[in-house]
Amino acid sequence: MKFNILIVVSMLVSFVITLLSGVVYIDFLKKKMYTQYILEDVPENHAKKAGTPTTGGVFIVLSIILASFALLTMNQGLSPASLIVLIALAFFMLAGLTDDIGKIKHKENKAGLTPRNKLFLQIVISLLPAVYMTLTGQTYLNIGQYSVDLHYFYTIFAVIFITGVSNAVNLTDGLDGLAASNTAISMAACTVLAIISGQDNIAIITAAAIGACVGFLYYNKYPAKVFMGDTGSLALGGLLGTVAVMGKFELWLLLIGLIFCIETLSVILQVASFKLTGKRIFKMSPIHHHFELSGWSENKIVMVFSLFSAIFCAIAVILFYIIW
């Protein structure tokens, strides 16, 4: 294990770019009236968030790409794997932006991409890293000191995996600072795993993601001055899933991204329970809304969820280091 100072520089460069570009981009959004329209089936106190600029994911993703490109060039140059990660990130951003623009244009939160079309785009984008890993023979899953080779079935697994993570982060993006803070923590864990396994290119990209998410939190902390929108949440989730696939620590994401798994599971359980029994398990799903309706403030939910995420990310890093 050898530490590369460019990893820290990548994080700092992305952080600075995000802070600086945020000022310009948020001003642009306000002038163009690219603002959020709130769903009717969310807690009542969310009504005051209507009119907040959205699509902030644009300057998150551009910061990650610019910082990564610059530092990867300084490190070993852009490898095919790192290039695929950045291309997938850009396409996930465009898919989310298309969804957000549809909502803004029709002034209705449900007027963006249909769930089917959104899923289709996510699957198509996920095919890029999935097929690359299959063609290069990296079709195994590491389970501790053992590995299982899925062969060509890995393509299907990777597509489902990346699409699922992208949607999980998208579901988590429901409170000011929640998705950005937990993604930053998960990316920090991915960075350490990449460093331990000697994958500097992956670590440079995930470090850039940390910097961008932390920089975005300056504008997105409660009360938010801008939302990342699907533009950011689909992209960050897609990036998290893609780096886990390209870095070969897919199964570790069960711990690293546990908060995203819980958010997704809460929606699945809520829907299943209501359809089967007519009763709801939670006051509202995803589960962060359940706690909100139970009287927790947004700041408390974000802090508790982030602490929970940090604990399990630390456990993942320690176990990974011991096994490695």
C-alpha atoms as a PDB file:
ATOM      1  CA  MET A   1       0.000   0.000   0.000  1.00  0.00           C
ATOM      2  CA  LYS A   2       1.523   3.274  -1.185  1.00  0.00           C
ATOM      3  CA  PHE A   3      -0.190   6.614  -0.636  1.00  0.00           C
ATOM      4  CA  ASN A   4      -0.345   9.043  -3.561  1.00  0.00           C
ATOM      5  CA  ILE A   5      -0.494  12.756  -2.654  1.00  0.00           C
ATOM      6  CA  LEU A   6      -2.407  13.412  -5.885  1.00  0.00           C
ATOM      7  CA  ILE A   7      -5.419  11.758  -4.252  1.00  0.00           C
ATOM      8  CA  VAL A   8      -5.598  14.540  -1.656  1.00  0.00           C
ATOM      9  CA  VAL A   9      -4.962  17.179  -4.320  1.00  0.00           C
ATOM     10  CA  SER A  10      -7.846  15.765  -6.384  1.00  0.00           C
ATOM     11  CA  MET A  11     -10.196  16.167  -3.436  1.00  0.00           C
ATOM     12  CA  LEU A  12      -9.066  19.742  -2.753  1.00  0.00           C
ATOM     13  CA  VAL A  13      -9.239  20.803  -6.407  1.00  0.00           C
ATOM     14  CA  SER A  14     -12.751  19.392  -6.763  1.00  0.00           C
ATOM     15  CA  PHE A  15     -13.795  21.088  -3.512  1.00  0.00           C
ATOM     16  CA  VAL A  16     -12.571  24.502  -4.694  1.00  0.00           C
ATOM     17  CA  ILE A  17     -14.115  24.134  -8.169  1.00  0.00           C
ATOM     18  CA  THR A  18     -17.459  23.207  -6.610  1.00  0.00           C
ATOM     19  CA  LEU A  19     -17.447  26.196  -4.257  1.00  0.00           C
ATOM     20  CA  LEU A  20     -16.524  28.656  -7.013  1.00  0.00           C
ATOM     21  CA  SER A  21     -18.788  27.247  -9.730  1.00  0.00           C
ATOM     22  CA  GLY A  22     -21.700  27.009  -7.294  1.00  0.00           C
ATOM     23  CA  VAL A  23     -21.909  30.794  -6.981  1.00  0.00           C
ATOM     24  CA  VAL A  24     -22.178  31.263 -10.754  1.00  0.00           C
ATOM     25  CA  TYR A  25     -24.452  28.289 -11.402  1.00  0.00           C
ATOM     26  CA  ILE A  26     -26.946  29.042  -8.625  1.00  0.00           C
ATOM     27  CA  ASP A  27     -27.215  32.632  -9.863  1.00  0.00           C
ATOM     28  CA  PHE A  28     -27.885  31.267 -13.363  1.00  0.00           C
ATOM     29  CA  LEU A  29     -30.604  28.935 -12.042  1.00  0.00           C
ATOM     30  CA  LYS A  30     -32.342  31.772 -10.210  1.00  0.00           C
ATOM     31  CA  LYS A  31     -32.360  33.967 -13.313  1.00  0.00           C
ATOM     32  CA  LYS A  32     -33.710  31.154 -15.506  1.00  0.00           C
ATOM     33  CA  MET A  33     -36.236  30.057 -12.846  1.00  0.00           C
ATOM     34  CA  TYR A  34     -34.930  26.476 -12.854  1.00  0.00           C
ATOM     35  CA  THR A  35     -36.540  25.718  -9.530  1.00  0.00           C
ATOM     36  CA  GLN A  36     -37.895  22.698  -7.671  1.00  0.00           C
ATOM     37  CA  TYR A  37     -41.545  21.644  -7.697  1.00  0.00           C
ATOM     38  CA  ILE A  38     -42.491  19.710  -4.571  1.00  0.00           C
ATOM     39  CA  LEU A  39     -44.410  16.429  -4.579  1.00  0.00           C
ATOM     40  CA  GLU A  40     -47.805  16.469  -2.878  1.00  0.00           C
ATOM     41  CA  ASP A  41     -47.137  13.233  -0.991  1.00  0.00           C
ATOM     42  CA  VAL A  42     -44.208  14.455   1.118  1.00  0.00           C
ATOM     43  CA  PRO A  43     -44.335  16.015   4.615  1.00  0.00           C
ATOM     44  CA  GLU A  44     -46.181  19.348   4.667  1.00  0.00           C
ATOM     45  CA  ASN A  45     -43.132  21.315   5.832  1.00  0.00           C
ATOM     46  CA  HIS A  46     -41.507  20.621   2.448  1.00  0.00           C
ATOM     47  CA  ALA A  47     -43.903  23.075   0.780  1.00  0.00           C
ATOM     48  CA  LYS A  48     -41.629  25.958   1.784  1.00  0.00           C
ATOM     49  CA  LYS A  49     -38.859  24.409  -0.337  1.00  0.00           C
ATOM     50  CA  ALA A  50     -40.774  25.088  -3.542  1.00  0.00           C
ATOM     51  CA  GLY A  51     -38.864  27.540  -5.695  1.00  0.00           C
ATOM     52  CA  THR A  52     -35.420  26.410  -4.539  1.00  0.00           C
ATOM     53  CA  PRO A  53     -33.032  26.163  -7.525  1.00  0.00           C
ATOM     54  CA  THR A  54     -32.414  22.600  -8.681  1.00  0.00           C
ATOM     55  CA  THR A  55     -30.102  20.655 -11.081  1.00  0.00           C
ATOM     56  CA  GLY A  56     -27.156  21.484  -8.786  1.00  0.00           C
ATOM     57  CA  GLY A  57     -25.778  18.104  -9.762  1.00  0.00           C
ATOM     58  CA  VAL A  58     -24.367  19.783 -12.863  1.00  0.00           C
ATOM     59  CA  PHE A  59     -21.612  21.585 -10.985  1.00  0.00           C
ATOM     60  CA  ILE A  60     -21.010  18.587  -8.730  1.00  0.00           C
ATOM     61  CA  VAL A  61     -20.341  16.309 -11.700  1.00  0.00           C
ATOM     62  CA  LEU A  62     -18.356  18.850 -13.703  1.00  0.00           C
ATOM     63  CA  SER A  63     -16.122  19.448 -10.671  1.00  0.00           C
ATOM     64  CA  ILE A  64     -15.493  15.708 -10.323  1.00  0.00           C
ATOM     65  CA  ILE A  65     -14.707  15.311 -14.032  1.00  0.00           C
ATOM     66  CA  LEU A  66     -12.416  18.363 -14.236  1.00  0.00           C
ATOM     67  CA  ALA A  67     -10.475  17.506 -11.081  1.00  0.00           C
ATOM     68  CA  SER A  68     -10.225  13.816 -12.000  1.00  0.00           C
ATOM     69  CA  PHE A  69      -9.101  14.545 -15.554  1.00  0.00           C
ATOM     70  CA  ALA A  70      -6.395  16.946 -14.388  1.00  0.00           C
ATOM     71  CA  LEU A  71      -5.016  14.716 -11.635  1.00  0.00           C
ATOM     72  CA  LEU A  72      -5.257  11.466 -13.607  1.00  0.00           C
ATOM     73  CA  THR A  73      -3.233  13.131 -16.355  1.00  0.00           C
ATOM     74  CA  MET A  74      -0.609  14.107 -13.773  1.00  0.00           C
ATOM     75  CA  ASN A  75      -0.598  10.596 -12.309  1.00  0.00           C
ATOM     76  CA  GLN A  76      -0.394   7.890 -14.993  1.00  0.00           C
ATOM     77  CA  GLY A  77      -2.607   9.321 -17.697  1.00  0.00           C
ATOM     78  CA  LEU A  78      -6.214   8.408 -18.434  1.00  0.00           C
ATOM     79  CA  SER A  79      -6.529   4.628 -18.439  1.00  0.00           C
ATOM     80  CA  PRO A  80      -9.443   2.999 -20.317  1.00  0.00           C
ATOM     81  CA  ALA A  81     -11.017   2.056 -16.969  1.00  0.00           C
ATOM     82  CA  SER A  82     -10.878   5.575 -15.512  1.00  0.00           C
ATOM     83  CA  LEU A  83     -12.156   7.041 -18.777  1.00  0.00           C
ATOM     84  CA  ILE A  84     -15.149   4.688 -18.693  1.00  0.00           C
ATOM     85  CA  VAL A  85     -15.921   5.727 -15.109  1.00  0.00           C
ATOM     86  CA  LEU A  86     -15.959   9.415 -16.083  1.00  0.00           C
ATOM     87  CA  ILE A  87     -17.985   8.817 -19.258  1.00  0.00           C
ATOM     88  CA  ALA A  88     -20.573   6.807 -17.305  1.00  0.00           C
ATOM     89  CA  LEU A  89     -20.726   9.599 -14.718  1.00  0.00           C
ATOM     90  CA  ALA A  90     -21.362  12.203 -17.426  1.00  0.00           C
ATOM     91  CA  PHE A  91     -24.127  10.116 -19.005  1.00  0.00           C
ATOM     92  CA  PHE A  92     -25.819   9.484 -15.651  1.00  0.00           C
ATOM     93  CA  MET A  93     -25.778  13.248 -15.099  1.00  0.00           C
ATOM     94  CA  LEU A  94     -27.375  13.845 -18.512  1.00  0.00           C
ATOM     95  CA  ALA A  95     -30.079  11.261 -17.779  1.00  0.00           C
ATOM     96  CA  GLY A  96     -30.899  12.992 -14.495  1.00  0.00           C
ATOM     97  CA  LEU A  97     -30.768  16.420 -16.135  1.00  0.00           C
ATOM     98  CA  THR A  98     -33.256  15.280 -18.772  1.00  0.00           C
ATOM     99  CA  ASP A  99     -35.585  14.191 -15.981  1.00  0.00           C
ATOM    100  CA  ASP A 100     -35.199  17.459 -14.064  1.00  0.00           C
ATOM    101  CA  ILE A 101     -35.702  19.638 -17.134  1.00  0.00           C
ATOM    102  CA  GLY A 102     -38.959  17.797 -17.880  1.00  0.00           C
ATOM    103  CA  LYS A 103     -40.200  18.603 -14.363  1.00  0.00           C
ATOM    104  CA  ILE A 104     -39.148  22.246 -14.642  1.00  0.00           C
ATOM    105  CA  LYS A 105     -40.661  22.675 -18.107  1.00  0.00           C
ATOM    106  CA  HIS A 106     -44.051  21.290 -17.104  1.00  0.00           C
ATOM    107  CA  LYS A 107     -43.918  22.733 -13.552  1.00  0.00           C
ATOM    108  CA  GLU A 108     -44.747  19.333 -12.093  1.00  0.00           C
ATOM    109  CA  ASN A 109     -42.490  17.010 -10.079  1.00  0.00           C
ATOM    110  CA  LYS A 110     -43.939  13.908 -11.749  1.00  0.00           C
ATOM    111  CA  ALA A 111     -43.583  15.282 -15.278  1.00  0.00           C
ATOM    112  CA  GLY A 112     -40.000  14.208 -15.912  1.00  0.00           C
ATOM    113  CA  LEU A 113     -38.926  10.904 -17.415  1.00  0.00           C
ATOM    114  CA  THR A 114     -41.322   8.013 -16.852  1.00  0.00           C
ATOM    115  CA  PRO A 115     -39.959   5.379 -14.441  1.00  0.00           C
ATOM    116  CA  ARG A 116     -39.612   2.995 -17.388  1.00  0.00           C
ATOM    117  CA  ASN A 117     -37.626   5.467 -19.500  1.00  0.00           C
ATOM    118  CA  LYS A 118     -35.418   6.437 -16.578  1.00  0.00           C
ATOM    119  CA  LEU A 119     -34.674   2.793 -15.832  1.00  0.00           C
ATOM    120  CA  PHE A 120     -33.945   2.138 -19.513  1.00  0.00           C
ATOM    121  CA  LEU A 121     -31.373   4.949 -19.616  1.00  0.00           C
ATOM    122  CA  GLN A 122     -29.729   3.718 -16.413  1.00  0.00           C
ATOM    123  CA  ILE A 123     -29.451   0.193 -17.800  1.00  0.00           C
ATOM    124  CA  VAL A 124     -27.947   1.404 -21.091  1.00  0.00           C
ATOM    125  CA  ILE A 125     -25.356   3.544 -19.267  1.00  0.00           C
ATOM    126  CA  SER A 126     -24.528   0.726 -16.839  1.00  0.00           C
ATOM    127  CA  LEU A 127     -23.762  -1.538 -19.790  1.00  0.00           C
ATOM    128  CA  LEU A 128     -20.610   0.476 -20.542  1.00  0.00           C
ATOM    129  CA  PRO A 129     -18.633  -0.498 -17.399  1.00  0.00           C
ATOM    130  CA  ALA A 130     -20.381  -3.892 -17.197  1.00  0.00           C
ATOM    131  CA  VAL A 131     -19.363  -4.955 -20.708  1.00  0.00           C
ATOM    132  CA  TYR A 132     -15.842  -3.543 -20.257  1.00  0.00           C
ATOM    133  CA  MET A 133     -15.274  -5.635 -17.132  1.00  0.00           C
ATOM    134  CA  THR A 134     -16.661  -8.720 -18.863  1.00  0.00           C
ATOM    135  CA  LEU A 135     -14.499  -8.301 -21.974  1.00  0.00           C
ATOM    136  CA  THR A 136     -11.374  -7.777 -19.870  1.00  0.00           C
ATOM    137  CA  GLY A 137     -12.073 -10.969 -17.915  1.00  0.00           C
ATOM    138  CA  GLN A 138     -12.751  -9.262 -14.584  1.00  0.00           C
ATOM    139  CA  THR A 139     -15.933 -11.200 -13.985  1.00  0.00           C
ATOM    140  CA  TYR A 140     -15.253 -12.458 -10.483  1.00  0.00           C
ATOM    141  CA  LEU A 141     -16.730 -11.415  -7.149  1.00  0.00           C
ATOM    142  CA  ASN A 142     -14.414 -11.338  -4.165  1.00  0.00           C
ATOM    143  CA  ILE A 143     -15.837 -12.841  -0.993  1.00  0.00           C
ATOM    144  CA  GLY A 144     -13.181 -12.490   1.658  1.00  0.00           C
ATOM    145  CA  GLN A 145     -10.178 -14.480   0.462  1.00  0.00           C
ATOM    146  CA  TYR A 146     -12.318 -16.390  -1.995  1.00  0.00           C
ATOM    147  CA  SER A 147     -13.704 -15.398  -5.363  1.00  0.00           C
ATOM    148  CA  VAL A 148     -16.560 -16.594  -7.542  1.00  0.00           C
ATOM    149  CA  ASP A 149     -16.323 -16.181 -11.306  1.00  0.00           C
ATOM    150  CA  LEU A 150     -19.671 -15.279 -12.841  1.00  0.00           C
ATOM    151  CA  HIS A 151     -18.262 -15.363 -16.392  1.00  0.00           C
ATOM    152  CA  TYR A 152     -20.701 -13.710 -18.814  1.00  0.00           C
ATOM    153  CA  PHE A 153     -23.411 -13.521 -16.160  1.00  0.00           C
ATOM    154  CA  TYR A 154     -21.288 -10.779 -14.617  1.00  0.00           C
ATOM    155  CA  THR A 155     -22.604  -8.338 -17.225  1.00  0.00           C
ATOM    156  CA  ILE A 156     -26.152  -8.849 -15.962  1.00  0.00           C
ATOM    157  CA  PHE A 157     -25.014  -8.621 -12.338  1.00  0.00           C
ATOM    158  CA  ALA A 158     -23.057  -5.393 -12.922  1.00  0.00           C
ATOM    159  CA  VAL A 159     -25.915  -3.709 -14.781  1.00  0.00           C
ATOM    160  CA  ILE A 160     -28.407  -4.561 -12.018  1.00  0.00           C
ATOM    161  CA  PHE A 161     -25.876  -3.546  -9.366  1.00  0.00           C
ATOM    162  CA  ILE A 162     -24.978  -0.129 -10.835  1.00  0.00           C
ATOM    163  CA  THR A 163     -28.601   0.678 -11.699  1.00  0.00           C
ATOM    164  CA  GLY A 164     -29.687  -0.312  -8.207  1.00  0.00           C
ATOM    165  CA  VAL A 165     -27.077   1.872  -6.494  1.00  0.00           C
ATOM    166  CA  SER A 166     -27.988   4.810  -8.734  1.00  0.00           C
ATOM    167  CA  ASN A 167     -31.655   4.484  -7.740  1.00  0.00           C
ATOM    168  CA  ALA A 168     -30.781   3.990  -4.074  1.00  0.00           C
ATOM    169  CA  VAL A 169     -28.920   7.300  -3.861  1.00  0.00           C
ATOM    170  CA  ASN A 170     -31.767   8.922  -5.801  1.00  0.00           C
ATOM    171  CA  LEU A 171     -34.251   7.719  -3.158  1.00  0.00           C
ATOM    172  CA  THR A 172     -32.039   9.038  -0.365  1.00  0.00           C
ATOM    173  CA  ASP A 173     -32.026  12.540  -1.838  1.00  0.00           C
ATOM    174  CA  GLY A 174     -35.060  13.799   0.062  1.00  0.00           C
ATOM    175  CA  LEU A 175     -33.683  16.089   2.785  1.00  0.00           C
ATOM    176  CA  ASP A 176     -31.235  18.979   2.726  1.00  0.00           C
ATOM    177  CA  GLY A 177     -27.706  17.580   2.818  1.00  0.00           C
ATOM    178  CA  LEU A 178     -28.723  13.931   3.253  1.00  0.00           C
ATOM    179  CA  ALA A 179     -27.582  12.453  -0.066  1.00  0.00           C
ATOM    180  CA  ALA A 180     -24.467  14.625  -0.359  1.00  0.00           C
ATOM    181  CA  SER A 181     -23.203  13.894   3.170  1.00  0.00           C
ATOM    182  CA  ASN A 182     -23.755  10.144   2.986  1.00  0.00           C
ATOM    183  CA  THR A 183     -22.290   9.923  -0.509  1.00  0.00           C
ATOM    184  CA  ALA A 184     -19.179  11.791   0.666  1.00  0.00           C
ATOM    185  CA  ILE A 185     -18.745   9.275   3.493  1.00  0.00           C
ATOM    186  CA  SER A 186     -19.237   6.291   1.185  1.00  0.00           C
ATOM    187  CA  MET A 187     -16.801   7.751  -1.348  1.00  0.00           C
ATOM    188  CA  ALA A 188     -14.263   8.233   1.444  1.00  0.00           C
ATOM    189  CA  ALA A 189     -14.484   4.528   2.242  1.00  0.00           C
ATOM    190  CA  CYS A 190     -14.152   3.647  -1.457  1.00  0.00           C
ATOM    191  CA  THR A 191     -11.075   5.869  -1.642  1.00  0.00           C
ATOM    192  CA  VAL A 192      -9.405   4.028   1.230  1.00  0.00           C
ATOM    193  CA  LEU A 193     -10.274   0.637  -0.283  1.00  0.00           C
ATOM    194  CA  ALA A 194      -8.805   1.755  -3.606  1.00  0.00           C
ATOM    195  CA  ILE A 195      -5.621   2.974  -1.888  1.00  0.00           C
ATOM    196  CA  ILE A 196      -5.240  -0.303   0.018  1.00  0.00           C
ATOM    197  CA  SER A 197      -5.654  -2.318  -3.180  1.00  0.00           C
ATOM    198  CA  GLY A 198      -3.253  -0.080  -5.110  1.00  0.00           C
ATOM    199  CA  GLN A 199      -5.814   1.447  -7.475  1.00  0.00           C
ATOM    200  CA  ASP A 200      -4.707   5.078  -7.558  1.00  0.00           C
ATOM    201  CA  ASN A 201      -6.859   6.008 -10.569  1.00  0.00           C
ATOM    202  CA  ILE A 202     -10.040   4.901  -8.813  1.00  0.00           C
ATOM    203  CA  ALA A 203      -8.933   6.668  -5.618  1.00  0.00           C
ATOM    204  CA  ILE A 204      -8.320   9.940  -7.493  1.00  0.00           C
ATOM    205  CA  ILE A 205     -11.856   9.870  -8.908  1.00  0.00           C
ATOM    206  CA  THR A 206     -13.541   8.977  -5.618  1.00  0.00           C
ATOM    207  CA  ALA A 207     -11.477  11.623  -3.816  1.00  0.00           C
ATOM    208  CA  ALA A 208     -12.724  14.178  -6.338  1.00  0.00           C
ATOM    209  CA  ALA A 209     -16.258  13.012  -5.537  1.00  0.00           C
ATOM    210  CA  ILE A 210     -15.634  13.604  -1.816  1.00  0.00           C
ATOM    211  CA  GLY A 211     -14.452  17.147  -2.505  1.00  0.00           C
ATOM    212  CA  ALA A 212     -17.428  17.882  -4.753  1.00  0.00           C
ATOM    213  CA  CYS A 213     -19.971  16.525  -2.251  1.00  0.00           C
ATOM    214  CA  VAL A 214     -18.435  18.441   0.677  1.00  0.00           C
ATOM    215  CA  GLY A 215     -18.275  21.611  -1.420  1.00  0.00           C
ATOM    216  CA  PHE A 216     -21.897  21.120  -2.462  1.00  0.00           C
ATOM    217  CA  LEU A 217     -22.927  20.778   1.179  1.00  0.00           C
ATOM    218  CA  TYR A 218     -21.980  24.444   1.660  1.00  0.00           C
ATOM    219  CA  TYR A 219     -24.965  25.281  -0.564  1.00  0.00           C
ATOM    220  CA  ASN A 220     -27.145  22.268   0.216  1.00  0.00           C
ATOM    221  CA  LYS A 221     -27.054  22.173   4.026  1.00  0.00           C
ATOM    222  CA  TYR A 222     -30.292  23.114   5.756  1.00  0.00           C
ATOM    223  CA  PRO A 223     -31.888  25.362   4.632  1.00  0.00           C
ATOM    224  CA  ALA A 224     -30.709  24.456   1.134  1.00  0.00           C
ATOM    225  CA  LYS A 225     -29.848  27.166  -1.378  1.00  0.00           C
ATOM    226  CA  VAL A 226     -29.855  24.587  -4.173  1.00  0.00           C
ATOM    227  CA  PHE A 227     -30.893  20.960  -4.710  1.00  0.00           C
ATOM    228  CA  MET A 228     -28.800  18.472  -6.646  1.00  0.00           C
ATOM    229  CA  GLY A 229     -31.930  17.056  -8.300  1.00  0.00           C
ATOM    230  CA  ASP A 230     -31.922  13.784 -10.200  1.00  0.00           C
ATOM    231  CA  THR A 231     -29.056  15.375 -12.126  1.00  0.00           C
ATOM    232  CA  GLY A 232     -26.861  14.848  -9.086  1.00  0.00           C
ATOM    233  CA  SER A 233     -28.399  11.891  -7.275  1.00  0.00           C
ATOM    234  CA  LEU A 234     -28.565   9.573 -10.300  1.00  0.00           C
ATOM    235  CA  ALA A 235     -25.015  10.579 -11.236  1.00  0.00           C
ATOM    236  CA  LEU A 236     -23.503  10.140  -7.767  1.00  0.00           C
ATOM    237  CA  GLY A 237     -25.293   6.818  -7.306  1.00  0.00           C
ATOM    238  CA  GLY A 238     -24.149   5.707 -10.742  1.00  0.00           C
ATOM    239  CA  LEU A 239     -20.593   6.734  -9.906  1.00  0.00           C
ATOM    240  CA  LEU A 240     -20.654   4.877  -6.582  1.00  0.00           C
ATOM    241  CA  GLY A 241     -21.887   1.702  -8.256  1.00  0.00           C
ATOM    242  CA  THR A 242     -19.443   2.039 -11.153  1.00  0.00           C
ATOM    243  CA  VAL A 243     -16.321   2.542  -9.009  1.00  0.00           C
ATOM    244  CA  ALA A 244     -17.342  -0.438  -6.867  1.00  0.00           C
ATOM    245  CA  VAL A 245     -17.546  -2.563 -10.028  1.00  0.00           C
ATOM    246  CA  MET A 246     -14.346  -1.212 -11.591  1.00  0.00           C
ATOM    247  CA  GLY A 247     -12.498  -1.412  -8.272  1.00  0.00           C
ATOM    248  CA  LYS A 248     -13.713  -4.974  -7.627  1.00  0.00           C
ATOM    249  CA  PHE A 249     -15.214  -4.271  -4.213  1.00  0.00           C
ATOM    250  CA  GLU A 250     -18.847  -4.698  -5.192  1.00  0.00           C
ATOM    251  CA  LEU A 251     -19.958  -6.729  -2.162  1.00  0.00           C
ATOM    252  CA  TRP A 252     -18.301  -4.289   0.221  1.00  0.00           C
ATOM    253  CA  LEU A 253     -20.887  -1.750  -0.846  1.00  0.00           C
ATOM    254  CA  LEU A 254     -23.383  -3.609   1.339  1.00  0.00           C
ATOM    255  CA  LEU A 255     -21.551  -2.030   4.284  1.00  0.00           C
ATOM    256  CA  ILE A 256     -20.219   1.117   2.609  1.00  0.00           C
ATOM    257  CA  GLY A 257     -23.620   2.027   1.211  1.00  0.00           C
ATOM    258  CA  LEU A 258     -25.746   0.472   3.938  1.00  0.00           C
ATOM    259  CA  ILE A 259     -27.766   3.650   4.481  1.00  0.00           C
ATOM    260  CA  PHE A 260     -28.734   3.632   0.791  1.00  0.00           C
ATOM    261  CA  CYS A 261     -29.709  -0.042   1.061  1.00  0.00           C
ATOM    262  CA  ILE A 262     -31.926   0.706   4.067  1.00  0.00           C
ATOM    263  CA  GLU A 263     -33.606   3.627   2.302  1.00  0.00           C
ATOM    264  CA  THR A 264     -34.380   1.410  -0.700  1.00  0.00           C
ATOM    265  CA  LEU A 265     -35.538  -1.507   1.444  1.00  0.00           C
ATOM    266  CA  SER A 266     -37.909   0.782   3.349  1.00  0.00           C
ATOM    267  CA  VAL A 267     -39.641   1.695   0.077  1.00  0.00           C
ATOM    268  CA  ILE A 268     -39.872  -1.942  -1.034  1.00  0.00           C
ATOM    269  CA  LEU A 269     -41.284  -3.052   2.332  1.00  0.00           C
ATOM    270  CA  GLN A 270     -43.765  -0.158   2.430  1.00  0.00           C
ATOM    271  CA  VAL A 271     -45.110  -0.878  -1.042  1.00  0.00           C
ATOM    272  CA  ALA A 272     -45.245  -4.657  -0.468  1.00  0.00           C
ATOM    273  CA  SER A 273     -46.981  -4.295   2.896  1.00  0.00           C
ATOM    274  CA  PHE A 274     -49.596  -1.883   1.553  1.00  0.00           C
ATOM    275  CA  LYS A 275     -50.381  -4.058  -1.479  1.00  0.00           C
ATOM    276  CA  LEU A 276     -50.564  -7.283   0.520  1.00  0.00           C
ATOM    277  CA  THR A 277     -52.239  -6.097   3.729  1.00  0.00           C
ATOM    278  CA  GLY A 278     -53.481  -2.574   3.053  1.00  0.00           C
ATOM    279  CA  LYS A 279     -51.340  -1.368   5.967  1.00  0.00           C
ATOM    280  CA  ARG A 280     -48.165   0.716   6.003  1.00  0.00           C
ATOM    281  CA  ILE A 281     -45.078  -0.218   8.034  1.00  0.00           C
ATOM    282  CA  PHE A 282     -43.712   3.330   8.149  1.00  0.00           C
ATOM    283  CA  LYS A 283     -45.469   6.673   8.433  1.00  0.00           C
ATOM    284  CA  MET A 284     -43.920   7.463   5.058  1.00  0.00           C
ATOM    285  CA  SER A 285     -41.119   6.065   2.914  1.00  0.00           C
ATOM    286  CA  PRO A 286     -38.247   6.362   2.197  1.00  0.00           C
ATOM    287  CA  ILE A 287     -37.462   5.940   5.875  1.00  0.00           C
ATOM    288  CA  HIS A 288     -35.994   9.436   6.360  1.00  0.00           C
ATOM    289  CA  HIS A 289     -39.557  10.776   5.954  1.00  0.00           C
ATOM    290  CA  HIS A 290     -40.742   8.378   8.679  1.00  0.00           C
ATOM    291  CA  PHE A 291     -38.323   9.954  11.143  1.00  0.00           C
ATOM    292  CA  GLU A 292     -39.290  13.423   9.908  1.00  0.00           C
ATOM    293  CA  LEU A 293     -42.968  12.717  10.633  1.00  0.00           C
ATOM    294  CA  SER A 294     -41.929  11.305  14.010  1.00  0.00           C
ATOM    295  CA  GLY A 295     -40.704  14.749  14.997  1.00  0.00           C
ATOM    296  CA  TRP A 296     -37.020  14.624  14.069  1.00  0.00           C
ATOM    297  CA  SER A 297     -35.578  17.764  12.508  1.00  0.00           C
ATOM    298  CA  GLU A 298     -33.858  17.533   9.124  1.00  0.00           C
ATOM    299  CA  ASN A 299     -30.497  18.327  10.717  1.00  0.00           C
ATOM    300  CA  LYS A 300     -30.920  15.546  13.288  1.00  0.00           C
ATOM    301  CA  ILE A 301     -31.829  12.994  10.613  1.00  0.00           C
ATOM    302  CA  VAL A 302     -28.849  13.961   8.453  1.00  0.00           C
ATOM    303  CA  MET A 303     -26.464  13.827  11.435  1.00  0.00           C
ATOM    304  CA  VAL A 304     -27.731  10.465  12.703  1.00  0.00           C
ATOM    305  CA  PHE A 305     -27.798   8.883   9.245  1.00  0.00           C
ATOM    306  CA  SER A 306     -24.312  10.210   8.478  1.00  0.00           C
ATOM    307  CA  LEU A 307     -22.949   8.881  11.774  1.00  0.00           C
ATOM    308  CA  PHE A 308     -24.542   5.507  11.064  1.00  0.00           C
ATOM    309  CA  SER A 309     -23.001   5.512   7.592  1.00  0.00           C
ATOM    310  CA  ALA A 310     -19.574   6.526   8.933  1.00  0.00           C
ATOM    311  CA  ILE A 311     -19.573   3.689  11.483  1.00  0.00           C
ATOM    312  CA  PHE A 312     -20.323   1.003   8.903  1.00  0.00           C
ATOM    313  CA  CYS A 313     -17.898   2.509   6.402  1.00  0.00           C
ATOM    314  CA  ALA A 314     -15.188   2.347   9.088  1.00  0.00           C
ATOM    315  CA  ILE A 315     -16.075  -1.313   9.764  1.00  0.00           C
ATOM    316  CA  ALA A 316     -15.830  -2.049   6.028  1.00  0.00           C
ATOM    317  CA  VAL A 317     -12.423  -0.368   5.754  1.00  0.00           C
ATOM    318  CA  ILE A 318     -11.033  -2.225   8.785  1.00  0.00           C
ATOM    319  CA  LEU A 319     -12.291  -5.616   7.581  1.00  0.00           C
ATOM    320  CA  PHE A 320     -11.029  -4.965   4.051  1.00  0.00           C
ATOM    321  CA  TYR A 321      -7.569  -4.048   5.385  1.00  0.00           C
ATOM    322  CA  ILE A 322      -7.410  -7.152   7.583  1.00  0.00           C
ATOM    323  CA  ILE A 323      -8.425  -9.445   4.715  1.00  0.00           C
ATOM    324  CA  TRP A 324      -6.170  -7.703   2.210  1.00  0.00           C
END
